[in-house]
Amino acid sequence: MIEDSNRLSYALMTSADAELLYQLDQDVEVMRYINGGKMTSREDLNQVYLPRLAKYTDPEKGWGMWKVTVSQTNEFIGWILVRPMGFFSNHPQWDNLELGWRFMQKSWGQGYGTEAALQIMNCIGALPNITKFSAIALPDNHASIKIMGKLGMQYVKTAINKDPLGDLEVVYYEVSV
C-alpha cells in the first residue's frame, strides 16, 4: 500500500518486529519527549504496546505502525504511526488520522522523518473518507513540531491528550486532505 520513497521503504509492523521496537526504545534521547526518557521494558512491550498495536492495525485502511528502513542498506531506522485520532477514547475521529513517529537517534537530522511521514500521508490520504491528518507532541519537542510544519500542518491548540497510558499536555497540529 505504501510505495517506497526516494531513500526509504515501508512495511506494516507486527509482533514479529518486537525486537526492533524494543531496541528503538532503549535510547534515553529517543524517549525524552515520549515519557521523559524512560526506556521501554520487554514486559511493557509485550503486555502493553504490542496488544495496543494489534488493536489499531488495519492493513486495508493503512492503520498501524509503518516500519521505515533505508532502501540502500535495509537498515531499520524507525516507524510512522497511523491511526484515527482519539482511537483509544470514546469518540475516535475515523476521518482524522493521527500521524506519529519515532526514529533512531543516528538517523536524526537527515530528513527521514519528514520524507517517511509525507510519503505515508500522501498514500493513505488518497483513500476515501479521510478529511485530515493530525499530530501531537509535547510543547518542547521542537524537532517533531518542525516536521509537522513541513507536512503542512498548522497549530490548532494546546490541551490535555487523554490516553489510557496517561494524560499529557500536548500541542495539536493538523492539515486538511
C-alpha atoms as a PDB file:
ATOM      1  CA  MET A   1       0.000   0.000   0.000  1.00  0.00           C
ATOM      2  CA  ILE A   2       2.809   2.436   0.817  1.00  0.00           C
ATOM      3  CA  GLU A   3       5.197   2.786  -2.075  1.00  0.00           C
ATOM      4  CA  ASP A   4       8.895   3.332  -1.416  1.00  0.00           C
ATOM      5  CA  SER A   5      10.031   6.947  -1.357  1.00  0.00           C
ATOM      6  CA  ASN A   6      13.384   8.283  -2.576  1.00  0.00           C
ATOM      7  CA  ARG A   7      15.515   6.769   0.184  1.00  0.00           C
ATOM      8  CA  LEU A   8      13.113   4.721   2.285  1.00  0.00           C
ATOM      9  CA  SER A   9      10.906   1.643   2.211  1.00  0.00           C
ATOM     10  CA  TYR A  10       7.918   0.776   4.398  1.00  0.00           C
ATOM     11  CA  ALA A  11       6.139  -2.261   5.838  1.00  0.00           C
ATOM     12  CA  LEU A  12       3.459  -2.626   8.499  1.00  0.00           C
ATOM     13  CA  MET A  13       4.925  -3.751  11.803  1.00  0.00           C
ATOM     14  CA  THR A  14       3.658  -6.763  13.745  1.00  0.00           C
ATOM     15  CA  SER A  15       4.596  -8.567  16.934  1.00  0.00           C
ATOM     16  CA  ALA A  16       7.371 -10.199  14.871  1.00  0.00           C
ATOM     17  CA  ASP A  17       9.075  -6.772  14.953  1.00  0.00           C
ATOM     18  CA  ALA A  18       9.160  -6.689  18.769  1.00  0.00           C
ATOM     19  CA  GLU A  19      12.956  -6.654  18.941  1.00  0.00           C
ATOM     20  CA  LEU A  20      13.178  -3.638  16.609  1.00  0.00           C
ATOM     21  CA  LEU A  21      10.605  -1.778  18.721  1.00  0.00           C
ATOM     22  CA  TYR A  22      12.474  -2.691  21.884  1.00  0.00           C
ATOM     23  CA  GLN A  23      15.855  -1.554  20.556  1.00  0.00           C
ATOM     24  CA  LEU A  24      14.443   1.791  19.368  1.00  0.00           C
ATOM     25  CA  ASP A  25      13.033   2.492  22.839  1.00  0.00           C
ATOM     26  CA  GLN A  26      16.365   1.839  24.609  1.00  0.00           C
ATOM     27  CA  ASP A  27      17.773   5.301  23.836  1.00  0.00           C
ATOM     28  CA  VAL A  28      17.067   7.887  26.537  1.00  0.00           C
ATOM     29  CA  GLU A  29      17.179  10.714  23.971  1.00  0.00           C
ATOM     30  CA  VAL A  30      14.666   8.939  21.696  1.00  0.00           C
ATOM     31  CA  MET A  31      12.323   8.574  24.680  1.00  0.00           C
ATOM     32  CA  ARG A  32      12.868  12.081  26.101  1.00  0.00           C
ATOM     33  CA  TYR A  33       9.708  13.580  24.557  1.00  0.00           C
ATOM     34  CA  ILE A  34       7.687  10.377  24.864  1.00  0.00           C
ATOM     35  CA  ASN A  35       7.880   9.727  28.598  1.00  0.00           C
ATOM     36  CA  GLY A  36      10.740  11.796  29.980  1.00  0.00           C
ATOM     37  CA  GLY A  37      13.475   9.398  28.871  1.00  0.00           C
ATOM     38  CA  LYS A  38      12.272   6.111  30.381  1.00  0.00           C
ATOM     39  CA  MET A  39      13.281   3.096  28.325  1.00  0.00           C
ATOM     40  CA  THR A  40      10.583   0.547  27.453  1.00  0.00           C
ATOM     41  CA  SER A  41      10.915  -2.786  29.241  1.00  0.00           C
ATOM     42  CA  ARG A  42      10.378  -6.052  27.400  1.00  0.00           C
ATOM     43  CA  GLU A  43       7.457  -6.745  29.740  1.00  0.00           C
ATOM     44  CA  ASP A  44       5.740  -3.429  28.856  1.00  0.00           C
ATOM     45  CA  LEU A  45       6.405  -4.044  25.179  1.00  0.00           C
ATOM     46  CA  ASN A  46       4.802  -7.496  25.315  1.00  0.00           C
ATOM     47  CA  GLN A  47       1.994  -6.729  27.778  1.00  0.00           C
ATOM     48  CA  VAL A  48       1.027  -3.185  26.742  1.00  0.00           C
ATOM     49  CA  TYR A  49       2.469  -1.893  23.473  1.00  0.00           C
ATOM     50  CA  LEU A  50       2.155  -4.921  21.187  1.00  0.00           C
ATOM     51  CA  PRO A  51      -1.502  -5.529  22.220  1.00  0.00           C
ATOM     52  CA  ARG A  52      -2.242  -1.819  21.564  1.00  0.00           C
ATOM     53  CA  LEU A  53      -0.595  -2.083  18.146  1.00  0.00           C
ATOM     54  CA  ALA A  54      -2.745  -5.122  17.317  1.00  0.00           C
ATOM     55  CA  LYS A  55      -5.942  -3.226  18.229  1.00  0.00           C
ATOM     56  CA  TYR A  56      -5.469  -0.418  15.716  1.00  0.00           C
ATOM     57  CA  THR A  57      -3.588  -2.171  12.922  1.00  0.00           C
ATOM     58  CA  ASP A  58      -5.750  -2.447   9.797  1.00  0.00           C
ATOM     59  CA  PRO A  59      -3.771  -3.106   6.596  1.00  0.00           C
ATOM     60  CA  GLU A  60      -6.710  -2.266   4.293  1.00  0.00           C
ATOM     61  CA  LYS A  61      -7.017   1.212   5.814  1.00  0.00           C
ATOM     62  CA  GLY A  62      -3.280   1.758   6.225  1.00  0.00           C
ATOM     63  CA  TRP A  63      -3.530   1.945  10.015  1.00  0.00           C
ATOM     64  CA  GLY A  64      -0.690   0.693  12.165  1.00  0.00           C
ATOM     65  CA  MET A  65       2.977   1.369  12.657  1.00  0.00           C
ATOM     66  CA  TRP A  66       4.893   1.521   9.403  1.00  0.00           C
ATOM     67  CA  LYS A  67       8.455   0.242   9.712  1.00  0.00           C
ATOM     68  CA  VAL A  68      10.865   2.611   7.999  1.00  0.00           C
ATOM     69  CA  THR A  69      14.071   1.190   6.522  1.00  0.00           C
ATOM     70  CA  VAL A  70      16.799   2.777   4.452  1.00  0.00           C
ATOM     71  CA  SER A  71      16.339   1.253   0.995  1.00  0.00           C
ATOM     72  CA  GLN A  72      20.031   1.108   0.138  1.00  0.00           C
ATOM     73  CA  THR A  73      21.065  -0.779   3.322  1.00  0.00           C
ATOM     74  CA  ASN A  74      17.740  -2.266   4.523  1.00  0.00           C
ATOM     75  CA  GLU A  75      18.565  -0.790   7.954  1.00  0.00           C
ATOM     76  CA  PHE A  76      15.624  -0.186  10.319  1.00  0.00           C
ATOM     77  CA  ILE A  77      15.633   3.449  11.442  1.00  0.00           C
ATOM     78  CA  GLY A  78      12.186   3.974  12.962  1.00  0.00           C
ATOM     79  CA  TRP A  79       8.450   3.978  12.414  1.00  0.00           C
ATOM     80  CA  ILE A  80       5.473   6.110  11.434  1.00  0.00           C
ATOM     81  CA  LEU A  81       2.213   5.632  13.357  1.00  0.00           C
ATOM     82  CA  VAL A  82      -1.152   5.896  11.575  1.00  0.00           C
ATOM     83  CA  ARG A  83      -4.456   5.539  13.432  1.00  0.00           C
ATOM     84  CA  PRO A  84      -7.655   7.532  13.943  1.00  0.00           C
ATOM     85  CA  MET A  85      -7.256  10.468  16.332  1.00  0.00           C
ATOM     86  CA  GLY A  86      -8.648   9.526  19.702  1.00  0.00           C
ATOM     87  CA  PHE A  87      -8.598   5.814  18.818  1.00  0.00           C
ATOM     88  CA  PHE A  88      -8.480   4.756  22.473  1.00  0.00           C
ATOM     89  CA  SER A  89     -11.187   7.253  23.533  1.00  0.00           C
ATOM     90  CA  ASN A  90     -14.965   7.022  23.483  1.00  0.00           C
ATOM     91  CA  HIS A  91     -15.079   9.276  20.399  1.00  0.00           C
ATOM     92  CA  PRO A  92     -12.500   8.241  17.789  1.00  0.00           C
ATOM     93  CA  GLN A  93     -12.286  10.502  14.740  1.00  0.00           C
ATOM     94  CA  TRP A  94     -12.424   7.980  11.903  1.00  0.00           C
ATOM     95  CA  ASP A  95     -11.855  10.637   9.200  1.00  0.00           C
ATOM     96  CA  ASN A  96      -8.929  12.298  11.016  1.00  0.00           C
ATOM     97  CA  LEU A  97      -5.790  10.170  11.080  1.00  0.00           C
ATOM     98  CA  GLU A  98      -3.096  10.707  13.657  1.00  0.00           C
ATOM     99  CA  LEU A  99       0.485  10.549  12.439  1.00  0.00           C
ATOM    100  CA  GLY A 100       3.302   9.893  14.874  1.00  0.00           C
ATOM    101  CA  TRP A 101       6.943   8.979  14.509  1.00  0.00           C
ATOM    102  CA  ARG A 102       9.935   7.662  16.362  1.00  0.00           C
ATOM    103  CA  PHE A 103      13.406   7.319  14.833  1.00  0.00           C
ATOM    104  CA  MET A 104      16.818   6.068  15.896  1.00  0.00           C
ATOM    105  CA  GLN A 105      18.994   8.945  17.052  1.00  0.00           C
ATOM    106  CA  LYS A 106      21.665   8.136  14.433  1.00  0.00           C
ATOM    107  CA  SER A 107      19.098   8.932  11.717  1.00  0.00           C
ATOM    108  CA  TRP A 108      18.094  12.342  13.103  1.00  0.00           C
ATOM    109  CA  GLY A 109      18.716  15.485  11.063  1.00  0.00           C
ATOM    110  CA  GLN A 110      18.686  13.750   7.687  1.00  0.00           C
ATOM    111  CA  GLY A 111      15.062  14.431   6.718  1.00  0.00           C
ATOM    112  CA  TYR A 112      13.961  10.814   7.113  1.00  0.00           C
ATOM    113  CA  GLY A 113      11.055  11.631   9.449  1.00  0.00           C
ATOM    114  CA  THR A 114       9.636  14.200   7.066  1.00  0.00           C
ATOM    115  CA  GLU A 115      10.190  12.011   3.999  1.00  0.00           C
ATOM    116  CA  ALA A 116       8.522   8.996   5.619  1.00  0.00           C
ATOM    117  CA  ALA A 117       5.573  10.886   7.126  1.00  0.00           C
ATOM    118  CA  LEU A 118       4.926  12.746   3.862  1.00  0.00           C
ATOM    119  CA  GLN A 119       5.031   9.551   1.779  1.00  0.00           C
ATOM    120  CA  ILE A 120       2.652   7.737   4.127  1.00  0.00           C
ATOM    121  CA  MET A 121       0.365  10.770   4.356  1.00  0.00           C
ATOM    122  CA  ASN A 122       0.195  11.048   0.563  1.00  0.00           C
ATOM    123  CA  CYS A 123      -0.516   7.341   0.028  1.00  0.00           C
ATOM    124  CA  ILE A 124      -3.128   6.979   2.774  1.00  0.00           C
ATOM    125  CA  GLY A 125      -4.632  10.408   2.101  1.00  0.00           C
ATOM    126  CA  ALA A 126      -5.707   9.139  -1.304  1.00  0.00           C
ATOM    127  CA  LEU A 127      -8.050   6.617   0.368  1.00  0.00           C
ATOM    128  CA  PRO A 128     -11.739   7.535   0.709  1.00  0.00           C
ATOM    129  CA  ASN A 129     -13.231   9.133   3.834  1.00  0.00           C
ATOM    130  CA  ILE A 130     -10.043  10.786   5.101  1.00  0.00           C
ATOM    131  CA  THR A 131     -10.507  14.525   5.657  1.00  0.00           C
ATOM    132  CA  LYS A 132      -7.407  15.424   7.671  1.00  0.00           C
ATOM    133  CA  PHE A 133      -4.198  14.321   9.313  1.00  0.00           C
ATOM    134  CA  SER A 134      -3.210  15.376  12.807  1.00  0.00           C
ATOM    135  CA  ALA A 135      -0.182  15.047  15.056  1.00  0.00           C
ATOM    136  CA  ILE A 136       0.562  15.777  18.683  1.00  0.00           C
ATOM    137  CA  ALA A 137       3.786  16.486  20.535  1.00  0.00           C
ATOM    138  CA  LEU A 138       4.989  17.749  23.869  1.00  0.00           C
ATOM    139  CA  PRO A 139       5.364  21.541  23.585  1.00  0.00           C
ATOM    140  CA  ASP A 140       9.175  21.328  23.953  1.00  0.00           C
ATOM    141  CA  ASN A 141       9.582  18.732  21.179  1.00  0.00           C
ATOM    142  CA  HIS A 142      10.733  21.251  18.599  1.00  0.00           C
ATOM    143  CA  ALA A 143      12.031  18.608  16.166  1.00  0.00           C
ATOM    144  CA  SER A 144       8.621  16.930  15.877  1.00  0.00           C
ATOM    145  CA  ILE A 145       6.843  20.272  15.639  1.00  0.00           C
ATOM    146  CA  LYS A 146       9.215  21.209  12.799  1.00  0.00           C
ATOM    147  CA  ILE A 147       8.223  18.017  10.939  1.00  0.00           C
ATOM    148  CA  MET A 148       4.542  18.894  11.464  1.00  0.00           C
ATOM    149  CA  GLY A 149       5.174  22.235   9.778  1.00  0.00           C
ATOM    150  CA  LYS A 150       6.969  20.581   6.858  1.00  0.00           C
ATOM    151  CA  LEU A 151       3.913  18.338   6.418  1.00  0.00           C
ATOM    152  CA  GLY A 152       1.772  21.466   6.013  1.00  0.00           C
ATOM    153  CA  MET A 153       0.163  21.081   9.434  1.00  0.00           C
ATOM    154  CA  GLN A 154      -0.955  24.140  11.351  1.00  0.00           C
ATOM    155  CA  TYR A 155      -1.127  24.644  15.106  1.00  0.00           C
ATOM    156  CA  VAL A 156      -4.653  24.043  16.459  1.00  0.00           C
ATOM    157  CA  LYS A 157      -4.371  24.109  20.258  1.00  0.00           C
ATOM    158  CA  THR A 158      -2.510  23.123  23.388  1.00  0.00           C
ATOM    159  CA  ALA A 159      -4.577  20.743  25.515  1.00  0.00           C
ATOM    160  CA  ILE A 160      -4.551  17.560  27.554  1.00  0.00           C
ATOM    161  CA  ASN A 161      -4.364  14.434  25.405  1.00  0.00           C
ATOM    162  CA  LYS A 162      -6.336  11.688  27.137  1.00  0.00           C
ATOM    163  CA  ASP A 163      -4.864   8.207  26.760  1.00  0.00           C
ATOM    164  CA  PRO A 164      -5.178   5.028  28.832  1.00  0.00           C
ATOM    165  CA  LEU A 165      -1.385   5.109  29.285  1.00  0.00           C
ATOM    166  CA  GLY A 166      -1.504   8.585  30.801  1.00  0.00           C
ATOM    167  CA  ASP A 167      -2.745  12.083  30.097  1.00  0.00           C
ATOM    168  CA  LEU A 168      -0.261  14.692  28.866  1.00  0.00           C
ATOM    169  CA  GLU A 169      -0.415  18.333  27.838  1.00  0.00           C
ATOM    170  CA  VAL A 170       0.458  18.449  24.140  1.00  0.00           C
ATOM    171  CA  VAL A 171       0.258  20.698  21.112  1.00  0.00           C
ATOM    172  CA  TYR A 172      -2.154  19.647  18.375  1.00  0.00           C
ATOM    173  CA  TYR A 173      -1.422  20.260  14.690  1.00  0.00           C
ATOM    174  CA  GLU A 174      -3.498  19.287  11.660  1.00  0.00           C
ATOM    175  CA  VAL A 175      -3.818  19.602   7.903  1.00  0.00           C
ATOM    176  CA  SER A 176      -6.859  19.009   5.703  1.00  0.00           C
ATOM    177  CA  VAL A 177      -6.578  16.484   2.885  1.00  0.00           C
END
